[in-house]
Protein backbone atom coordinates (compact mmCIF):
# COMPACT_ATOMS: atom_id res chain seq x y z
CA MET A 1 -25.78 23.77 99.72
CA PRO A 2 -24.98 24.65 103.40
CA PHE A 3 -24.39 21.84 105.99
CA THR A 4 -27.05 21.03 108.56
CA LEU A 5 -26.28 21.66 112.20
CA TYR A 6 -28.19 19.60 114.76
CA THR A 7 -27.85 20.95 118.32
CA SER A 8 -29.15 19.69 121.64
CA ASN A 9 -28.27 19.64 125.34
CA ARG A 10 -28.77 15.94 125.46
CA LEU A 11 -26.47 13.41 123.73
CA GLU A 12 -29.40 10.89 123.64
CA ILE A 13 -31.49 13.34 121.57
CA LEU A 14 -28.53 13.80 119.12
CA SER A 15 -28.23 10.08 118.70
CA GLN A 16 -31.96 9.83 117.90
CA GLN A 17 -31.50 12.60 115.31
CA LEU A 18 -28.60 10.75 113.79
CA ALA A 19 -30.54 7.48 113.69
CA THR A 20 -33.47 9.31 111.91
CA VAL A 21 -31.01 10.63 109.30
CA LEU A 22 -29.43 7.18 108.74
CA ARG A 23 -32.81 5.58 108.32
CA GLN A 24 -32.98 7.35 104.88
CA PRO A 25 -30.27 5.76 102.70
CA VAL A 26 -28.58 7.94 100.16
CA GLY A 27 -26.27 5.36 98.46
CA GLY A 28 -26.14 1.67 97.54
CA ALA A 29 -26.76 -1.11 100.12
CA LEU A 30 -23.00 -1.84 100.40
CA GLU A 31 -21.91 1.80 100.63
CA PRO A 32 -20.80 2.60 104.20
CA GLU A 33 -22.08 5.47 106.20
CA VAL A 34 -19.43 7.91 107.57
CA VAL A 35 -19.75 9.19 111.20
CA VAL A 36 -16.76 11.31 112.17
CA VAL A 37 -16.03 11.17 115.95
CA GLN A 38 -13.39 12.42 118.27
CA SER A 39 -12.70 9.37 120.32
CA ARG A 40 -13.01 5.65 120.51
CA GLY A 41 -15.27 5.93 123.50
CA MET A 42 -17.74 8.01 121.44
CA GLU A 43 -17.53 5.52 118.64
CA ARG A 44 -18.49 2.65 120.84
CA TRP A 45 -21.32 4.51 122.59
CA ILE A 46 -22.86 5.77 119.32
CA SER A 47 -22.51 2.25 117.72
CA LEU A 48 -24.50 0.82 120.58
CA GLU A 49 -27.05 3.62 120.40
CA LEU A 50 -27.59 3.13 116.68
CA ALA A 51 -27.89 -0.63 117.11
CA ARG A 52 -30.50 -0.08 119.81
CA GLN A 53 -32.56 2.39 117.81
CA LEU A 54 -32.10 0.86 114.32
CA GLY A 55 -31.94 -2.76 115.31
CA ILE A 56 -28.41 -3.09 113.89
CA SER A 57 -25.32 -0.96 113.42
CA ALA A 58 -23.25 -2.22 110.52
CA ASN A 59 -21.19 -0.84 107.64
CA VAL A 60 -20.52 2.40 109.44
CA LEU A 61 -17.08 4.08 109.38
CA PHE A 62 -15.98 6.04 112.34
CA PRO A 63 -12.93 8.07 111.33
CA PHE A 64 -11.26 10.78 113.43
CA PRO A 65 -11.45 14.27 111.97
CA ASN A 66 -7.81 14.55 110.93
CA ALA A 67 -7.79 10.94 109.37
CA PHE A 68 -11.03 11.85 107.45
CA VAL A 69 -9.67 15.06 106.05
CA GLN A 70 -6.55 13.29 104.96
CA ASP A 71 -8.53 10.73 103.20
CA ILE A 72 -10.55 13.31 101.39
CA ALA A 73 -7.28 15.17 100.44
CA ARG A 74 -6.05 11.89 98.86
CA ARG A 75 -9.15 11.53 96.85
CA ILE A 76 -9.23 15.06 95.59
CA LEU A 77 -5.46 15.93 95.40
CA GLY A 78 -4.05 12.58 94.84
CA GLU A 79 -1.18 10.86 96.70
CA THR A 80 0.54 14.29 97.13
CA ALA A 81 -1.54 14.70 100.29
CA ALA A 82 -0.53 11.43 101.74
CA PRO A 83 2.22 11.55 104.32
CA GLY A 84 5.04 9.17 103.39
CA SER A 85 4.48 9.53 99.58
CA SER A 86 6.31 11.51 97.08
CA ALA A 87 4.91 14.83 95.84
CA GLY A 88 3.05 14.47 92.58
CA GLY A 89 1.17 11.27 92.95
CA GLY A 90 3.58 8.77 91.34
CA LYS A 91 5.21 11.22 88.89
CA PRO A 92 6.85 13.63 91.25
CA ASP A 93 8.44 16.81 90.17
CA THR A 94 10.43 16.87 93.42
CA GLU A 95 11.74 14.29 95.78
CA VAL A 96 10.43 16.15 98.82
CA ASP A 97 8.17 14.04 101.00
CA PRO A 98 5.23 15.67 102.78
CA ALA A 99 5.97 13.54 105.74
CA ILE A 100 8.93 15.89 106.60
CA PHE A 101 6.37 18.04 108.38
CA GLU A 102 5.15 15.36 110.73
CA PRO A 103 6.23 16.16 114.19
CA ARG A 104 8.29 12.94 114.79
CA ILE A 105 10.36 13.71 111.64
CA LEU A 106 10.35 17.52 112.05
CA THR A 107 11.90 17.04 115.55
CA TRP A 108 15.10 15.54 114.07
CA ARG A 109 15.20 18.13 111.30
CA ILE A 110 15.08 20.86 113.84
CA VAL A 111 17.82 19.08 115.96
CA LYS A 112 20.01 19.21 112.89
CA MET A 113 19.18 22.79 111.91
CA LEU A 114 19.60 24.47 115.26
CA PRO A 115 23.48 24.51 115.54
CA ASP A 116 23.75 26.46 112.26
CA LEU A 117 21.08 28.90 113.22
CA LEU A 118 22.14 29.74 116.79
CA SER A 119 24.67 32.31 115.64
CA ARG A 120 21.83 34.59 114.31
CA PRO A 121 20.89 37.47 116.53
CA ALA A 122 17.20 36.34 116.73
CA PHE A 123 18.30 33.13 118.28
CA VAL A 124 20.05 34.56 121.30
CA GLN A 125 17.58 33.10 123.86
CA LEU A 126 17.90 29.65 122.41
CA ARG A 127 21.73 30.04 122.27
CA THR A 128 21.84 30.94 125.93
CA TYR A 129 19.55 28.08 126.88
CA LEU A 130 21.57 25.54 124.80
CA GLN A 131 24.95 26.64 126.19
CA GLU A 132 24.15 25.11 129.62
CA PRO A 133 25.26 21.69 130.57
CA GLY A 134 23.47 18.74 128.87
CA ARG A 135 22.95 20.78 125.74
CA ASP A 136 22.50 17.74 123.40
CA LEU A 137 19.55 16.44 125.48
CA LYS A 138 18.17 19.93 125.86
CA ARG A 139 18.47 20.43 122.03
CA LEU A 140 16.33 17.32 121.47
CA GLN A 141 13.76 18.24 124.04
CA LEU A 142 13.48 21.71 122.67
CA ALA A 143 13.26 20.47 119.14
CA ASN A 144 10.42 18.17 120.20
CA ARG A 145 8.49 21.07 121.70
CA ILE A 146 9.07 23.31 118.75
CA ALA A 147 7.97 20.58 116.25
CA ASP A 148 4.76 20.10 118.24
CA LEU A 149 4.16 23.81 118.36
CA PHE A 150 4.67 24.23 114.65
CA ASP A 151 2.30 21.29 114.00
CA GLN A 152 -0.35 23.15 116.06
CA TYR A 153 0.34 26.34 114.06
CA LEU A 154 -0.31 24.54 110.86
CA LEU A 155 -3.61 23.41 112.08
CA TYR A 156 -4.91 26.26 114.04
CA ARG A 157 -2.95 29.33 112.69
CA PRO A 158 -2.31 28.64 109.00
CA GLU A 159 -2.51 32.34 108.06
CA MET A 160 0.46 33.12 110.38
CA ILE A 161 2.48 30.28 108.69
CA PHE A 162 1.68 31.82 105.34
CA ALA A 163 2.75 35.27 106.52
CA TRP A 164 6.12 33.90 107.70
CA GLU A 165 6.74 32.24 104.40
CA ARG A 166 6.02 35.59 102.68
CA GLY A 167 8.81 37.13 104.80
CA LYS A 168 6.71 38.84 107.44
CA GLU A 169 8.23 38.95 110.99
CA ASP A 170 11.84 38.11 111.68
CA HIS A 171 11.88 36.55 115.13
CA TRP A 172 13.48 33.16 115.66
CA GLN A 173 10.27 31.09 115.07
CA ALA A 174 9.61 32.80 111.70
CA GLN A 175 13.31 32.39 110.67
CA LEU A 176 13.32 28.70 111.81
CA TRP A 177 10.10 27.96 109.92
CA ARG A 178 11.37 29.48 106.70
CA GLU A 179 14.44 27.23 106.87
CA ILE A 180 12.27 24.15 107.57
CA ALA A 181 9.82 24.89 104.73
CA ARG A 182 12.40 26.05 102.20
CA GLY A 183 11.47 24.31 98.87
CA ALA A 184 8.52 22.52 100.38
CA GLU A 185 6.09 25.35 101.06
CA THR A 186 3.24 23.71 99.20
CA LEU A 187 3.44 20.37 100.99
CA HIS A 188 2.72 21.08 104.60
CA ARG A 189 -0.67 20.62 106.17
CA ALA A 190 -1.78 24.25 105.92
CA ALA A 191 -0.82 24.57 102.25
CA LEU A 192 -2.51 21.26 101.45
CA GLY A 193 -5.65 22.31 103.23
CA LYS A 194 -5.87 25.51 101.41
CA ARG A 195 -5.42 23.55 98.10
CA LEU A 196 -8.02 21.08 99.18
CA VAL A 197 -10.66 23.70 99.93
CA ASP A 198 -9.92 25.50 96.64
CA ALA A 199 -10.19 22.16 94.82
CA LEU A 200 -13.45 21.22 96.42
CA LYS A 201 -14.91 24.54 95.47
CA THR A 202 -14.25 23.99 91.77
CA ALA A 203 -14.53 20.16 91.55
CA THR A 204 -17.12 18.47 89.44
CA ARG A 205 -18.49 15.10 90.67
CA PRO A 206 -15.62 14.30 92.98
CA ASP A 207 -15.19 10.82 94.47
CA LEU A 208 -16.77 11.40 97.87
CA PRO A 209 -19.01 9.54 100.42
CA ARG A 210 -22.59 10.28 99.67
CA ARG A 211 -23.22 11.53 103.25
CA ILE A 212 -20.93 12.81 105.95
CA ASN A 213 -22.04 13.01 109.66
CA VAL A 214 -19.92 14.69 112.34
CA PHE A 215 -21.10 13.62 115.81
CA GLY A 216 -20.36 14.76 119.28
CA ILE A 217 -17.25 16.73 118.52
CA SER A 218 -16.51 19.47 121.04
CA SER A 219 -14.16 21.62 118.90
CA LEU A 220 -12.70 21.65 115.41
CA PRO A 221 -10.08 24.00 113.86
CA GLU A 222 -11.35 26.53 111.27
CA PHE A 223 -9.37 24.50 108.61
CA HIS A 224 -11.44 21.42 109.18
CA LEU A 225 -14.70 23.42 109.20
CA ALA A 226 -13.70 25.00 105.91
CA VAL A 227 -13.22 21.57 104.45
CA PHE A 228 -16.58 20.34 105.66
CA ASP A 229 -18.23 23.45 104.33
CA ALA A 230 -16.64 22.88 100.92
CA LEU A 231 -17.81 19.24 101.02
CA ALA A 232 -21.35 20.36 101.64
CA ARG A 233 -21.32 21.80 98.04
CA HIS A 234 -21.27 18.18 96.69
CA VAL A 235 -22.66 15.84 99.41
CA GLN A 236 -25.01 15.93 102.44
CA VAL A 237 -23.03 17.06 105.52
CA ASN A 238 -24.60 17.00 109.05
CA PHE A 239 -23.21 18.13 112.28
CA PHE A 240 -24.52 16.73 115.52
CA LEU A 241 -23.15 18.92 118.33
CA MET A 242 -23.82 19.19 122.11
CA ASN A 243 -24.80 22.68 123.07
CA PRO A 244 -25.58 23.22 126.78
CA CYS A 245 -27.21 26.61 126.28
CA GLN A 246 -30.18 27.46 123.97
CA GLU A 247 -29.42 31.17 124.10
CA TYR A 248 -26.62 32.93 122.25
CA TRP A 249 -23.58 32.74 124.54
CA GLY A 250 -20.68 33.71 122.11
CA ASP A 251 -20.14 36.94 123.99
CA ILE A 252 -20.07 35.79 127.52
CA LEU A 253 -16.82 36.20 129.50
CA SER A 254 -15.45 34.58 132.67
CA LYS A 255 -14.55 36.67 135.47
CA LYS A 256 -10.85 36.26 134.52
CA GLU A 257 -11.53 37.41 131.04
CA LYS A 258 -13.59 40.42 132.27
CA ARG A 259 -10.64 41.49 134.43
CA ARG A 260 -8.25 41.15 131.45
CA ALA A 261 -10.62 43.20 129.28
CA ALA A 262 -10.86 45.87 131.93
CA ARG A 263 -7.05 46.15 131.94
CA GLY A 264 -7.10 46.29 128.11
CA GLN A 265 -5.45 42.88 127.70
CA LEU A 266 -8.21 41.57 125.45
CA SER A 267 -9.11 43.06 122.14
CA MET A 268 -12.70 44.16 122.56
CA ASP A 269 -14.75 46.47 120.37
CA PHE A 270 -17.30 47.27 123.10
CA SER A 271 -17.17 48.89 126.44
CA GLU A 272 -17.01 47.11 129.78
CA SER A 273 -20.66 47.86 130.47
CA TYR A 274 -21.54 45.42 127.75
CA LEU A 275 -19.36 42.57 128.98
CA GLN A 276 -21.74 39.67 130.01
CA GLU A 277 -20.76 36.89 132.37
CA GLY A 278 -24.11 35.04 131.88
CA ASN A 279 -23.96 31.77 133.76
CA PRO A 280 -20.70 31.70 135.72
CA LEU A 281 -20.24 28.00 135.37
CA LEU A 282 -20.69 28.12 131.56
CA SER A 283 -18.49 31.19 131.14
CA SER A 284 -15.55 29.72 133.20
CA LEU A 285 -15.56 26.15 132.03
CA ALA A 286 -16.86 26.27 128.41
CA GLU A 287 -14.53 28.70 126.74
CA LEU A 288 -13.58 26.05 124.12
CA GLY A 289 -17.11 25.33 123.20
CA ARG A 290 -17.97 29.05 123.23
CA ASP A 291 -15.18 29.75 120.73
CA PHE A 292 -16.16 26.74 118.63
CA PHE A 293 -19.74 27.84 118.25
CA GLU A 294 -18.60 31.40 117.59
CA LEU A 295 -16.31 29.95 114.81
CA LEU A 296 -19.37 28.19 113.25
CA GLU A 297 -21.12 31.55 112.85
CA GLY A 298 -18.61 32.32 110.07
CA PHE A 299 -20.19 29.51 107.91
CA ASP A 300 -23.49 29.14 106.25
CA TYR A 301 -25.58 26.36 107.74
CA GLN A 302 -29.15 25.19 108.37
CA GLN A 303 -29.91 24.64 112.06
CA ALA A 304 -32.19 22.21 113.75
CA THR A 305 -32.47 22.53 117.58
CA ALA A 306 -33.92 20.01 120.02
CA PHE A 307 -33.33 21.16 123.57
CA HIS A 308 -34.63 19.29 126.56
CA GLU A 309 -35.93 21.19 129.56
CA PRO A 310 -34.28 19.77 132.77
CA GLU A 311 -36.60 19.12 135.78
CA GLU A 312 -35.49 21.45 138.47
CA THR A 313 -36.06 18.92 141.22
CA SER A 314 -32.40 18.14 141.91
CA LEU A 315 -29.22 20.19 142.19
CA LEU A 316 -27.99 18.74 138.87
CA GLY A 317 -31.32 19.64 137.23
CA CYS A 318 -31.12 23.17 138.57
CA VAL A 319 -27.54 23.61 137.27
CA GLN A 320 -28.49 22.25 133.91
CA ALA A 321 -31.53 24.53 133.67
CA ASP A 322 -29.52 27.62 134.58
CA ILE A 323 -26.99 26.84 131.98
CA LEU A 324 -29.71 26.09 129.34
CA HIS A 325 -31.30 29.53 129.87
CA LEU A 326 -28.05 31.40 130.55
CA ARG A 327 -29.02 32.62 133.88
CA ASN A 328 -27.32 33.36 137.17
CA ARG A 329 -29.64 32.85 140.08
CA ALA A 330 -27.50 34.82 142.38
CA LYS A 331 -27.71 38.02 140.24
CA ASP A 332 -31.08 37.57 138.47
CA GLY A 333 -33.14 38.05 141.65
CA GLN A 334 -34.70 34.64 141.38
CA PRO A 335 -35.77 32.82 144.57
CA LYS A 336 -33.67 30.00 145.85
CA GLN A 337 -34.61 26.52 144.85
CA GLU A 338 -35.46 23.94 147.48
CA ILE A 339 -33.23 21.03 147.18
CA PRO A 340 -34.08 17.68 148.98
CA ALA A 341 -31.65 16.94 151.86
CA ASP A 342 -31.10 13.43 150.37
CA ASP A 343 -30.25 14.78 146.93
CA ARG A 344 -27.11 12.99 145.52
CA SER A 345 -27.32 14.24 141.85
CA ILE A 346 -23.93 15.99 142.23
CA GLN A 347 -21.28 14.53 144.47
CA ILE A 348 -17.61 15.36 145.03
CA HIS A 349 -15.35 12.73 146.45
CA ALA A 350 -11.80 13.75 147.76
CA CYS A 351 -9.59 10.68 147.54
CA HIS A 352 -6.02 10.16 148.54
CA SER A 353 -4.89 8.11 145.59
CA ALA A 354 -5.96 6.94 142.15
CA ARG A 355 -6.77 3.50 143.46
CA ARG A 356 -8.99 4.94 146.18
CA GLU A 357 -10.80 6.90 143.44
CA ILE A 358 -11.66 3.78 141.62
CA GLU A 359 -12.66 1.93 144.84
CA VAL A 360 -15.04 4.78 145.64
CA LEU A 361 -16.34 4.66 142.17
CA TYR A 362 -16.89 0.93 142.40
CA ASP A 363 -18.77 1.26 145.75
CA HIS A 364 -20.85 4.01 144.36
CA LEU A 365 -21.90 2.03 141.27
CA LEU A 366 -22.88 -1.03 143.43
CA HIS A 367 -25.04 1.23 145.54
CA LEU A 368 -26.58 2.79 142.44
CA PHE A 369 -27.44 -0.54 140.93
CA GLN A 370 -29.02 -1.71 144.24
CA THR A 371 -31.13 1.44 144.67
CA ARG A 372 -32.02 2.08 141.00
CA GLY A 373 -33.34 -0.86 139.21
CA ASP A 374 -33.78 1.03 135.92
CA ILE A 375 -29.94 1.64 135.55
CA LYS A 376 -27.79 -0.96 133.91
CA PRO A 377 -23.93 -1.08 133.40
CA GLY A 378 -24.40 -0.14 129.73
CA ASP A 379 -25.90 3.16 130.86
CA ILE A 380 -22.84 4.25 132.82
CA LEU A 381 -20.02 6.33 131.28
CA VAL A 382 -16.97 7.12 133.46
CA MET A 383 -14.91 10.05 132.04
CA MET A 384 -11.32 11.04 132.99
CA PRO A 385 -8.59 13.23 131.41
CA ASP A 386 -6.24 10.30 130.89
CA VAL A 387 -7.27 6.71 131.28
CA GLU A 388 -3.85 5.07 131.05
CA PRO A 389 -2.70 5.78 134.76
CA TYR A 390 -5.98 4.30 136.02
CA VAL A 391 -6.00 1.05 134.02
CA PRO A 392 -4.14 -1.05 136.48
CA PHE A 393 -6.33 0.08 139.39
CA ILE A 394 -9.54 -0.38 137.20
CA GLN A 395 -8.50 -4.03 136.49
CA ALA A 396 -7.53 -4.65 140.13
CA VAL A 397 -10.82 -3.33 141.56
CA PHE A 398 -13.36 -4.39 138.77
CA ASP A 399 -11.91 -7.75 137.74
CA LEU A 400 -13.85 -10.09 139.83
CA PRO A 401 -14.80 -13.78 139.00
CA PRO A 402 -17.72 -14.12 136.50
CA ASP A 403 -19.86 -15.80 139.13
CA ASP A 404 -19.32 -13.04 141.75
CA PRO A 405 -22.69 -11.09 142.24
CA ARG A 406 -20.62 -7.94 142.83
CA ARG A 407 -19.00 -8.09 139.39
CA ILE A 408 -19.66 -5.14 137.19
CA PRO A 409 -18.94 -5.67 133.51
CA TYR A 410 -16.86 -2.94 131.91
CA SER A 411 -14.71 -1.96 128.97
CA ILE A 412 -11.91 0.62 128.69
CA ALA A 413 -11.90 2.90 125.57
CA ASP A 414 -9.35 5.37 124.21
CA ARG A 415 -6.32 3.27 124.94
CA SER A 416 -3.43 3.09 122.51
CA TYR A 417 -3.06 -0.15 120.62
CA GLY A 418 0.37 -0.70 122.21
CA ARG A 419 -1.12 -0.51 125.68
CA GLU A 420 -4.09 -2.84 124.80
CA ASN A 421 -1.82 -5.55 123.32
CA GLU A 422 0.62 -7.03 125.96
CA LEU A 423 2.79 -8.45 123.17
CA ILE A 424 3.31 -5.06 121.59
CA GLU A 425 3.90 -3.40 124.88
CA THR A 426 6.55 -6.00 125.77
CA PHE A 427 8.26 -5.49 122.41
CA PHE A 428 8.47 -1.71 123.06
CA ALA A 429 9.74 -2.34 126.59
CA ILE A 430 12.60 -4.41 125.14
CA LEU A 431 13.42 -1.69 122.68
CA ASN A 432 13.51 0.80 125.55
CA LEU A 433 15.99 -1.23 127.67
CA PRO A 434 18.99 0.81 126.54
CA ASN A 435 17.39 3.87 127.90
CA SER A 436 16.49 2.23 131.21
CA ARG A 437 18.55 1.42 134.34
CA PHE A 438 19.09 -2.07 133.00
CA ILE A 439 22.78 -3.01 133.18
CA PRO A 440 23.83 -6.08 131.10
CA ALA A 441 25.94 -8.63 132.90
């Protein structure tokens, strides 16, 4: 059966839909529910929401997509799919370890291989680059970048990897990959993914969770979608995805993409007269989401939509409504919307440092709590590209005594375990001393 796709422009509505689904048990009382999420911050938020709506949130697993797919691969394919284990699940036909394709290990394999490959004509650019001073360090840095790139290829462009292994293309990346994968072509992530999907399509009564929910994920590679699609043949699979627009927006292009299409730099099957920009904010900032929803169209699914109509009484409401209906007020001939002079629904603060950003945020939150009695600290979510650089400033600004009336309770999500634990961080700092400027007496 196809999976079910729940979409809404409000995360709160999606959480209500998830709670409604979880109210109907599909397994035993001790069987955990599975909710696949993309970050620890989302895990914490949805846990609190489920507890608020259901009265309790317990026995719920929140794996990340890659970890979940690896677990399914272990169940279906055996230990062959587990990095760090021998191929063959205990009775290996080969001593090759699938972990050799993990980036941290692949980096050192590339470091070792490169000197023997640089004499080939296809490697002339790399040979020139590595002839410069500091070539050993450059070789390590280059190998690290290549390993990361190959890891992305395995996940997002598996067909290209398979073509290279069949001998297609002869540039340096293809040649290097063939050397890396020689004798282990069936053990890397792309090959295991293909085997997993094929096995799920033919499996009978596999050992799987009774229900799988994917919540709040902004994008997934086609390989993961294929796995979830194959899982839907055996168990209930539900996607709960944010969609800011209720119209079809898979063919809208940003101004930059339209210029590239006009110059013939994009492969388009239609003339420029059919290129639509739609809402300019959506087309310029939501390319990843657009491509993800377009990718979903290649799969069979049942859809349930629950869009919320924003009130156009504020600047934020107008922006949300325009995105929801895929309209551009400047070009659609619609009258301008009157916005109150004291509207603060969208604010931009230019700060001279990271600490000042946190201080402005803190002052803004204090003002918000004083003027809006219906908002509590648990209702606030602060998002940033990388939380680590801000952690010391967050602690310096927000860590006030418990009895201070200005104290705002907070928690920091999406930190690495090493950074959260001072003992672990100190241990790694000691290990890093030889690479630092520390000079022993």
